[in-house]
Amino acid sequence: MTSNSRVVVIGAGLAGVRLARRLGELGTPVTLIGDEEHRPYNRVLLAEVLAGRYSPDVIALPAPAELTRGRVARIDRELRAVHLADGSVIAYDTLVLATGSNPVLPPLRGLFTPDHELPEGVHAFRTMDDCLGLSKAVRPGVRAVVIGGGLLGVSAARALAVRGAQVVLAQQSERLMERQLDPGASKLVLRHLKDLGVEVHTECRVRDVRCVGGAVRSVELADGYALDADLVVLACGVHPRVGLAQAAGLEVRKGVVVDDELRTSDPRIRAVGDCAQHDGTLYGLATPALEQAEVLAELLAGDPNARYTGTRSLTRLTLNGHAAHDRTVFDLAAFGETEALPGDDVVQLTDATRGTYRKVVVRDDRVVGGVLVGELGTVGALARAWEGAEPLPSDGGPLLHLLTNDGGS
């Protein structure tokens, strides 16, 4: 790639900003386009802003010098140009889609006003504007219903409880964070939320959002039970933003399909982050997005051997206590397969008094997954054993050592 090639990146989230910064460091000029008015920020930490632990400035990302604010209306592949909604046109030699994802808005009766807007008091929780809107609306005693008990829903419920809201969390499946955690760890998350005063309903489906005068007043469950609500937070997952790619005729399945060089079906266009689907996998997590950005920066800066071969990512969540006198911190980490299959070996250590839980799943003498709740001193060693996929010695001693050695923590 020549030094004066024009690289244009659509999307100023974690992946887009990391890519633009790395390209700048490697001497490749880049134009970054972002459609939010705020400085680029770390979306992973929005719950900490909502909780009042961080100000928006704290989670801001160091943005590259050339940041264009605007919404991309379409991509002209033939002329290799990006058309913005304000009428401006930016030419590219290489275009990178880092468009991220949008929140899933569930098909609930009453969710939208006649103008197809969310009613007053109903918020998605995906952007800085969502976060600031919620922060402005929350106050001690406000009745908040969080719909969704995954990682985002648990984080939002905790943040609202920290701010003094009366929080009810409604989860459709049988336990919290079922995608990341096994039942034992889910129970500890449930206990932590209850300690914060959060009321949790599992195996319940929300059917209806009731509004009066354009503002939410209650949420009705499928069994007819109504939850009074001044605030409703939609934490029902995300789906990749692929509209631009589809309109441009690129191959899209769940996400924009990319190869090991992060090329789409048009070799002039690459994709990274939440919108990219690599080898059938749509990650939707920060670590793979950052790794993809690093690999693509090397490729675009001229390294012909750089390749992205997938990410084995670890989920990490820290929940803090809810009052000044409560300094408890609830830490958890999960990686790989947390549920054992027939024939797998499971090593599990539980300390109910300290609220700690450690579990590792071993298959064919290899660590294939694990969950740790509470003290996470062993997580680094366990994650390395999992990532390396090296066979463990047959006597099992080193595995027990991995579970019990806190590395000085």
Protein backbone atom coordinates (compact mmCIF):
# COMPACT_ATOMS: atom_id res chain seq x y z
CA MET A 1 0.00 0.00 0.00
CA THR A 2 1.44 3.41 -0.96
CA SER A 3 2.09 6.02 1.69
CA ASN A 4 -0.41 8.48 0.14
CA SER A 5 -3.28 5.98 -0.07
CA ARG A 6 -6.48 7.32 1.38
CA VAL A 7 -7.86 5.19 4.20
CA VAL A 8 -11.34 6.13 5.39
CA VAL A 9 -12.83 4.54 8.52
CA ILE A 10 -16.58 4.72 9.19
CA GLY A 11 -17.24 4.46 12.91
CA ALA A 12 -15.52 6.15 15.88
CA GLY A 13 -16.01 3.42 18.48
CA LEU A 14 -13.29 1.29 20.07
CA ALA A 15 -12.34 -0.53 16.86
CA GLY A 16 -12.38 2.53 14.59
CA VAL A 17 -10.39 4.72 16.96
CA ARG A 18 -7.81 2.01 17.68
CA LEU A 19 -7.35 1.42 13.95
CA ALA A 20 -7.00 5.11 13.15
CA ARG A 21 -4.51 5.68 15.98
CA ARG A 22 -2.37 2.68 15.02
CA LEU A 23 -2.34 3.70 11.36
CA GLY A 24 -1.27 7.19 12.40
CA GLU A 25 1.57 5.73 14.47
CA LEU A 26 2.62 3.60 11.48
CA GLY A 27 2.68 6.61 9.16
CA THR A 28 -0.50 5.90 7.18
CA PRO A 29 -2.90 8.88 6.99
CA VAL A 30 -6.52 8.11 7.81
CA THR A 31 -9.87 9.91 7.91
CA LEU A 32 -12.19 8.78 10.70
CA ILE A 33 -15.94 9.45 10.40
CA GLY A 34 -18.11 9.38 13.53
CA ASP A 35 -21.83 10.08 13.75
CA GLU A 36 -22.03 10.98 17.47
CA GLU A 37 -21.51 14.56 18.64
CA HIS A 38 -19.52 13.43 21.68
CA ARG A 39 -15.81 12.71 21.75
CA PRO A 40 -15.15 9.05 20.94
CA TYR A 41 -15.54 7.00 24.12
CA ASN A 42 -15.19 3.52 25.55
CA ARG A 43 -18.70 2.09 25.35
CA VAL A 44 -17.78 -0.72 27.75
CA LEU A 45 -17.65 1.82 30.59
CA LEU A 46 -21.02 3.53 30.03
CA ALA A 47 -22.52 1.74 33.05
CA GLU A 48 -19.85 3.35 35.24
CA VAL A 49 -20.89 6.78 33.94
CA LEU A 50 -24.53 5.95 34.69
CA ALA A 51 -23.54 4.81 38.19
CA GLY A 52 -21.82 8.14 38.79
CA ARG A 53 -18.37 6.60 39.26
CA TYR A 54 -16.91 8.20 36.12
CA SER A 55 -17.60 11.40 34.25
CA PRO A 56 -17.95 11.15 30.46
CA ASP A 57 -14.48 12.71 30.08
CA VAL A 58 -12.89 9.81 31.96
CA ILE A 59 -14.06 7.24 29.38
CA ALA A 60 -13.16 9.39 26.36
CA LEU A 61 -10.77 7.81 23.86
CA PRO A 62 -7.71 9.64 22.55
CA ALA A 63 -9.08 10.48 19.13
CA PRO A 64 -6.91 10.93 16.02
CA ALA A 65 -6.48 14.45 14.70
CA GLU A 66 -8.66 14.00 11.60
CA LEU A 67 -12.16 13.18 12.90
CA THR A 68 -15.08 14.04 10.63
CA ARG A 69 -18.44 14.26 12.37
CA GLY A 70 -21.36 13.24 10.23
CA ARG A 71 -23.69 10.45 9.17
CA VAL A 72 -22.72 8.38 6.16
CA ALA A 73 -25.66 8.12 3.75
CA ARG A 74 -24.20 5.72 1.21
CA ILE A 75 -21.08 4.14 -0.24
CA ASP A 76 -20.30 4.46 -3.95
CA ARG A 77 -18.08 1.45 -4.67
CA GLU A 78 -17.62 2.30 -8.35
CA LEU A 79 -16.26 5.79 -7.68
CA ARG A 80 -14.74 4.72 -4.33
CA ALA A 81 -16.41 7.50 -2.38
CA VAL A 82 -18.42 7.93 0.80
CA HIS A 83 -21.43 10.27 0.68
CA LEU A 84 -22.41 12.00 3.92
CA ALA A 85 -25.91 13.16 4.81
CA ASP A 86 -24.81 16.83 4.63
CA GLY A 87 -23.90 16.37 0.96
CA SER A 88 -20.13 16.16 1.37
CA VAL A 89 -18.18 13.40 -0.36
CA ILE A 90 -14.98 11.71 0.86
CA ALA A 91 -12.93 9.65 -1.56
CA TYR A 92 -11.11 6.50 -0.46
CA ASP A 93 -8.59 3.98 -1.70
CA THR A 94 -9.39 1.66 1.20
CA LEU A 95 -12.62 1.91 3.16
CA VAL A 96 -13.04 0.32 6.60
CA LEU A 97 -16.45 -0.37 8.12
CA ALA A 98 -16.32 -0.11 11.91
CA THR A 99 -20.00 0.72 12.21
CA GLY A 100 -20.58 -1.27 15.42
CA SER A 101 -24.04 -2.39 16.48
CA ASN A 102 -27.47 -1.09 17.39
CA PRO A 103 -29.58 -2.04 20.40
CA VAL A 104 -32.27 -4.65 19.88
CA LEU A 105 -35.67 -3.06 20.47
CA PRO A 106 -38.08 -5.87 21.41
CA PRO A 107 -41.50 -6.17 19.71
CA LEU A 108 -43.56 -4.91 22.65
CA ARG A 109 -46.99 -3.33 22.42
CA GLY A 110 -46.84 0.36 23.19
CA LEU A 111 -43.08 0.61 22.80
CA PHE A 112 -43.23 3.33 20.15
CA THR A 113 -45.20 6.56 19.89
CA PRO A 114 -47.21 7.28 16.70
CA ASP A 115 -44.10 9.15 15.48
CA HIS A 116 -42.06 5.94 15.90
CA GLU A 117 -40.13 7.39 18.85
CA LEU A 118 -39.57 5.77 22.22
CA PRO A 119 -42.01 7.16 24.82
CA GLU A 120 -40.76 9.48 27.54
CA GLY A 121 -38.99 7.42 30.19
CA VAL A 122 -38.11 4.51 27.87
CA HIS A 123 -34.42 4.29 27.04
CA ALA A 124 -32.11 2.04 25.10
CA PHE A 125 -28.67 1.76 26.72
CA ARG A 126 -26.10 1.83 23.95
CA THR A 127 -24.80 5.36 23.35
CA MET A 128 -23.52 8.26 25.41
CA ASP A 129 -26.78 10.10 24.68
CA ASP A 130 -28.71 7.10 26.07
CA CYS A 131 -26.51 7.17 29.16
CA LEU A 132 -26.84 10.93 29.72
CA GLY A 133 -30.61 10.75 29.21
CA LEU A 134 -30.88 8.03 31.84
CA SER A 135 -28.56 9.91 34.21
CA LYS A 136 -30.78 12.97 33.94
CA ALA A 137 -33.95 10.95 34.63
CA VAL A 138 -32.75 8.78 37.52
CA ARG A 139 -33.12 9.98 41.10
CA PRO A 140 -33.57 8.32 44.50
CA GLY A 141 -36.86 6.44 44.66
CA VAL A 142 -37.59 6.47 40.93
CA ARG A 143 -39.14 3.18 39.78
CA ALA A 144 -37.00 1.61 37.06
CA VAL A 145 -37.60 -1.60 35.10
CA VAL A 146 -34.66 -3.12 33.24
CA ILE A 147 -35.69 -5.52 30.48
CA GLY A 148 -32.93 -8.07 29.86
CA GLY A 149 -30.64 -9.91 32.26
CA GLY A 150 -27.49 -10.30 30.20
CA LEU A 151 -24.21 -8.50 30.81
CA LEU A 152 -25.66 -5.11 29.81
CA GLY A 153 -28.88 -5.53 31.80
CA VAL A 154 -27.04 -6.59 34.96
CA SER A 155 -24.67 -3.62 34.62
CA ALA A 156 -27.56 -1.18 34.05
CA ALA A 157 -29.58 -2.54 36.98
CA ARG A 158 -26.58 -2.24 39.30
CA ALA A 159 -25.85 1.32 38.11
CA LEU A 160 -29.45 2.47 38.63
CA ALA A 161 -29.55 0.86 42.10
CA VAL A 162 -26.32 2.68 43.00
CA ARG A 163 -28.11 5.93 42.11
CA GLY A 164 -30.94 5.11 44.51
CA ALA A 165 -33.58 3.88 42.05
CA GLN A 166 -36.07 1.13 42.95
CA VAL A 167 -35.00 -1.38 40.30
CA VAL A 168 -36.81 -4.39 38.92
CA LEU A 169 -34.95 -6.56 36.41
CA ALA A 170 -37.05 -8.74 34.08
CA GLN A 171 -35.22 -11.62 32.43
CA GLN A 172 -36.89 -13.93 29.91
CA SER A 173 -34.58 -16.91 30.44
CA GLU A 174 -34.21 -18.91 33.65
CA ARG A 175 -31.08 -17.18 34.97
CA LEU A 176 -28.92 -14.09 34.66
CA MET A 177 -26.09 -13.84 32.13
CA GLU A 178 -26.83 -17.33 30.85
CA ARG A 179 -24.61 -16.87 27.79
CA GLN A 180 -21.47 -16.31 29.87
CA LEU A 181 -22.06 -17.99 33.23
CA ASP A 182 -22.94 -21.41 34.61
CA PRO A 183 -25.81 -21.73 37.14
CA GLY A 184 -23.52 -21.45 40.18
CA ALA A 185 -22.03 -18.15 39.07
CA SER A 186 -25.43 -16.82 37.98
CA LYS A 187 -26.74 -17.40 41.51
CA LEU A 188 -23.94 -15.26 42.94
CA VAL A 189 -24.75 -12.44 40.50
CA LEU A 190 -28.39 -12.72 41.55
CA ARG A 191 -27.40 -12.54 45.22
CA HIS A 192 -25.26 -9.47 44.60
CA LEU A 193 -28.07 -7.64 42.81
CA LYS A 194 -30.53 -8.51 45.58
CA ASP A 195 -28.05 -7.19 48.14
CA LEU A 196 -28.19 -3.91 46.21
CA GLY A 197 -31.99 -3.91 46.50
CA VAL A 198 -32.71 -5.03 42.92
CA GLU A 199 -35.85 -7.14 42.51
CA VAL A 200 -35.16 -9.85 39.91
CA HIS A 201 -37.80 -11.76 37.94
CA THR A 202 -36.50 -14.62 35.78
CA GLU A 203 -38.46 -16.72 33.27
CA CYS A 204 -40.80 -13.83 32.68
CA ARG A 205 -41.65 -12.20 29.38
CA VAL A 206 -42.56 -8.55 29.05
CA ARG A 207 -45.61 -8.08 26.84
CA ASP A 208 -46.62 -4.46 27.01
CA VAL A 209 -45.38 -0.95 27.79
CA ARG A 210 -48.19 1.24 29.15
CA CYS A 211 -47.98 5.00 28.69
CA VAL A 212 -50.09 7.94 29.80
CA GLY A 213 -49.71 11.26 28.01
CA GLY A 214 -46.73 9.94 26.07
CA ALA A 215 -44.79 8.91 29.21
CA VAL A 216 -44.27 5.37 30.48
CA ARG A 217 -46.25 4.36 33.57
CA SER A 218 -45.97 0.57 33.77
CA VAL A 219 -44.67 -2.58 32.15
CA GLU A 220 -46.99 -5.57 31.83
CA LEU A 221 -45.68 -9.12 31.93
CA ALA A 222 -47.10 -12.00 29.89
CA ASP A 223 -48.89 -13.37 32.96
CA GLY A 224 -50.75 -10.08 33.37
CA TYR A 225 -48.69 -8.81 36.32
CA ALA A 226 -47.90 -5.11 35.99
CA LEU A 227 -44.72 -3.40 37.19
CA ASP A 228 -45.03 0.32 37.93
CA ALA A 229 -42.33 2.20 36.07
CA ASP A 230 -41.08 5.77 35.73
CA LEU A 231 -38.10 4.51 33.74
CA VAL A 232 -37.68 1.52 31.43
CA VAL A 233 -34.25 0.42 30.20
CA LEU A 234 -34.07 -1.84 27.14
CA ALA A 235 -31.07 -4.16 27.52
CA CYS A 236 -32.14 -6.89 25.10
CA GLY A 237 -28.89 -7.30 23.22
CA VAL A 238 -27.50 -5.75 20.04
CA HIS A 239 -27.41 -6.47 16.34
CA PRO A 240 -24.66 -5.39 13.92
CA ARG A 241 -25.10 -2.21 11.91
CA VAL A 242 -24.91 -3.57 8.38
CA GLY A 243 -27.29 -1.25 6.51
CA LEU A 244 -24.53 0.59 4.62
CA ALA A 245 -22.86 -2.69 3.66
CA GLN A 246 -26.13 -4.21 2.45
CA ALA A 247 -27.05 -1.13 0.43
CA ALA A 248 -23.57 -1.22 -1.16
CA GLY A 249 -24.08 -4.85 -2.22
CA LEU A 250 -21.47 -6.41 0.06
CA GLU A 251 -21.90 -9.97 1.32
CA VAL A 252 -23.78 -9.85 4.62
CA ARG A 253 -25.01 -12.73 6.73
CA LYS A 254 -25.48 -11.86 10.39
CA GLY A 255 -22.63 -9.39 9.98
CA VAL A 256 -20.43 -8.16 7.14
CA VAL A 257 -18.52 -11.25 6.00
CA VAL A 258 -14.71 -10.87 6.20
CA ASP A 259 -11.71 -13.14 5.56
CA ASP A 260 -8.45 -13.47 7.53
CA GLU A 261 -7.27 -10.16 6.06
CA LEU A 262 -10.57 -8.59 7.18
CA ARG A 263 -11.57 -8.01 3.56
CA THR A 264 -15.22 -7.93 2.64
CA SER A 265 -16.53 -9.25 -0.71
CA ASP A 266 -15.09 -6.01 -2.15
CA PRO A 267 -11.28 -6.14 -1.67
CA ARG A 268 -11.20 -2.33 -1.35
CA ILE A 269 -13.46 -2.49 1.71
CA ARG A 270 -12.56 -4.04 5.07
CA ALA A 271 -14.62 -4.45 8.24
CA VAL A 272 -13.74 -4.72 11.94
CA GLY A 273 -15.53 -4.84 15.27
CA ASP A 274 -19.15 -5.57 16.08
CA CYS A 275 -20.29 -5.36 12.44
CA ALA A 276 -17.76 -7.91 11.14
CA GLN A 277 -18.45 -11.65 10.86
CA HIS A 278 -15.25 -13.68 10.65
CA ASP A 279 -15.21 -17.42 9.99
CA GLY A 280 -18.91 -17.60 10.88
CA THR A 281 -18.44 -15.79 14.21
CA LEU A 282 -19.96 -12.46 15.20
CA TYR A 283 -18.16 -11.49 18.41
CA GLY A 284 -19.79 -8.28 19.63
CA LEU A 285 -17.07 -7.86 22.28
CA ALA A 286 -14.30 -5.33 22.87
CA THR A 287 -11.27 -7.65 22.83
CA PRO A 288 -11.87 -9.14 19.35
CA ALA A 289 -12.65 -5.67 17.97
CA LEU A 290 -9.33 -4.32 19.25
CA GLU A 291 -7.40 -7.34 17.96
CA GLN A 292 -8.99 -6.98 14.53
CA ALA A 293 -8.05 -3.28 14.49
CA GLU A 294 -4.43 -4.10 15.34
CA VAL A 295 -4.16 -6.73 12.59
CA LEU A 296 -5.76 -4.48 9.99
CA ALA A 297 -3.45 -1.60 10.90
CA GLU A 298 -0.45 -3.84 10.24
CA LEU A 299 -1.92 -5.01 6.92
CA LEU A 300 -2.73 -1.51 5.70
CA ALA A 301 0.69 -0.26 6.81
CA GLY A 302 2.32 -2.83 4.54
CA ASP A 303 2.83 -6.05 6.53
CA PRO A 304 1.83 -8.79 4.05
CA ASN A 305 1.92 -11.53 6.69
CA ALA A 306 -0.54 -10.09 9.20
CA ARG A 307 -3.64 -12.24 9.62
CA TYR A 308 -6.65 -12.35 11.93
CA THR A 309 -7.41 -15.94 12.91
CA GLY A 310 -10.03 -15.38 15.61
CA THR A 311 -10.14 -14.39 19.28
CA ARG A 312 -10.64 -16.44 22.40
CA SER A 313 -12.15 -13.73 24.53
CA LEU A 314 -12.73 -13.53 28.25
CA THR A 315 -15.78 -11.82 29.77
CA ARG A 316 -14.96 -9.64 32.76
CA LEU A 317 -17.42 -7.72 34.94
CA THR A 318 -16.88 -5.70 38.10
CA LEU A 319 -19.88 -4.65 40.18
CA ASN A 320 -19.23 -2.19 42.99
CA GLY A 321 -21.07 -1.70 46.28
CA HIS A 322 -23.99 0.70 46.38
CA ALA A 323 -23.25 3.04 49.28
CA ALA A 324 -20.36 4.99 50.74
CA HIS A 325 -20.07 2.57 53.68
CA ASP A 326 -20.25 -0.48 51.39
CA ARG A 327 -16.86 -1.06 49.80
CA THR A 328 -17.64 -4.55 48.52
CA VAL A 329 -16.62 -5.29 44.97
CA PHE A 330 -18.12 -8.15 43.03
CA ASP A 331 -15.72 -9.43 40.38
CA LEU A 332 -16.36 -12.16 37.87
CA ALA A 333 -14.62 -13.61 34.85
CA ALA A 334 -15.79 -16.29 32.40
CA PHE A 335 -14.10 -17.81 29.39
CA GLY A 336 -14.62 -20.66 26.95
CA GLU A 337 -17.14 -23.40 27.70
CA THR A 338 -18.46 -22.94 31.23
CA GLU A 339 -20.83 -25.94 31.07
CA ALA A 340 -19.32 -29.43 31.08
CA LEU A 341 -20.18 -32.07 28.49
CA PRO A 342 -20.43 -35.81 29.30
CA GLY A 343 -16.90 -37.10 29.89
CA ASP A 344 -15.43 -33.74 30.85
CA ASP A 345 -13.63 -33.27 34.15
CA VAL A 346 -14.73 -30.40 36.40
CA VAL A 347 -12.70 -28.89 39.21
CA GLN A 348 -14.78 -26.62 41.43
CA LEU A 349 -13.99 -24.68 44.59
CA THR A 350 -16.66 -22.73 46.49
CA ASP A 351 -16.34 -20.59 49.60
CA ALA A 352 -19.82 -19.43 50.62
CA THR A 353 -18.49 -17.29 53.46
CA ARG A 354 -16.22 -15.25 51.22
CA GLY A 355 -18.63 -15.42 48.29
CA THR A 356 -16.02 -16.92 45.97
CA TYR A 357 -16.58 -19.54 43.29
CA ARG A 358 -14.07 -21.12 40.94
CA LYS A 359 -14.76 -23.72 38.30
CA VAL A 360 -12.65 -25.09 35.46
CA VAL A 361 -13.81 -27.49 32.73
CA VAL A 362 -11.17 -29.88 31.37
CA ARG A 363 -11.57 -31.98 28.22
CA ASP A 364 -8.89 -34.36 26.95
CA ASP A 365 -6.43 -32.89 29.47
CA ARG A 366 -6.99 -29.36 28.19
CA VAL A 367 -8.70 -26.42 29.88
CA VAL A 368 -11.73 -25.58 27.71
CA GLY A 369 -13.43 -23.03 29.96
CA GLY A 370 -13.93 -21.63 33.40
CA VAL A 371 -15.79 -19.25 35.69
CA LEU A 372 -14.39 -17.30 38.60
CA VAL A 373 -16.43 -15.16 40.98
CA GLY A 374 -14.96 -13.14 43.82
CA GLU A 375 -11.19 -13.23 44.06
CA LEU A 376 -9.73 -13.29 40.55
CA GLY A 377 -6.05 -13.73 41.35
CA THR A 378 -5.94 -16.97 39.37
CA VAL A 379 -7.70 -15.72 36.26
CA GLY A 380 -4.53 -14.79 34.37
CA ALA A 381 -2.92 -18.22 34.75
CA LEU A 382 -6.16 -20.03 33.91
CA ALA A 383 -6.80 -17.88 30.85
CA ARG A 384 -3.26 -18.53 29.59
CA ALA A 385 -3.74 -22.29 30.03
CA TRP A 386 -7.00 -22.01 28.07
CA GLU A 387 -5.60 -19.78 25.32
CA GLY A 388 -2.52 -21.93 24.89
CA ALA A 389 -4.62 -25.12 24.65
CA GLU A 390 -1.63 -27.10 25.93
CA PRO A 391 -2.30 -30.51 27.50
CA LEU A 392 -2.11 -30.55 31.30
CA PRO A 393 0.15 -33.02 33.13
CA SER A 394 -1.77 -36.20 33.92
CA ASP A 395 -1.45 -35.97 37.72
CA GLY A 396 -3.82 -32.96 37.86
CA GLY A 397 -1.68 -31.17 40.42
CA PRO A 398 -0.89 -28.13 38.26
CA LEU A 399 -4.61 -27.55 37.60
CA LEU A 400 -5.39 -27.43 41.30
CA HIS A 401 -2.41 -25.09 41.65
CA LEU A 402 -3.91 -22.84 38.93
CA LEU A 403 -7.20 -22.72 40.85
CA THR A 404 -5.72 -22.00 44.26
CA ASN A 405 -2.58 -19.93 43.57
CA ASP A 406 -3.59 -16.27 43.65
CA GLY A 407 -0.27 -15.13 42.30
CA GLY A 408 0.35 -13.02 45.37
CA SER A 409 -3.00 -11.24 45.24
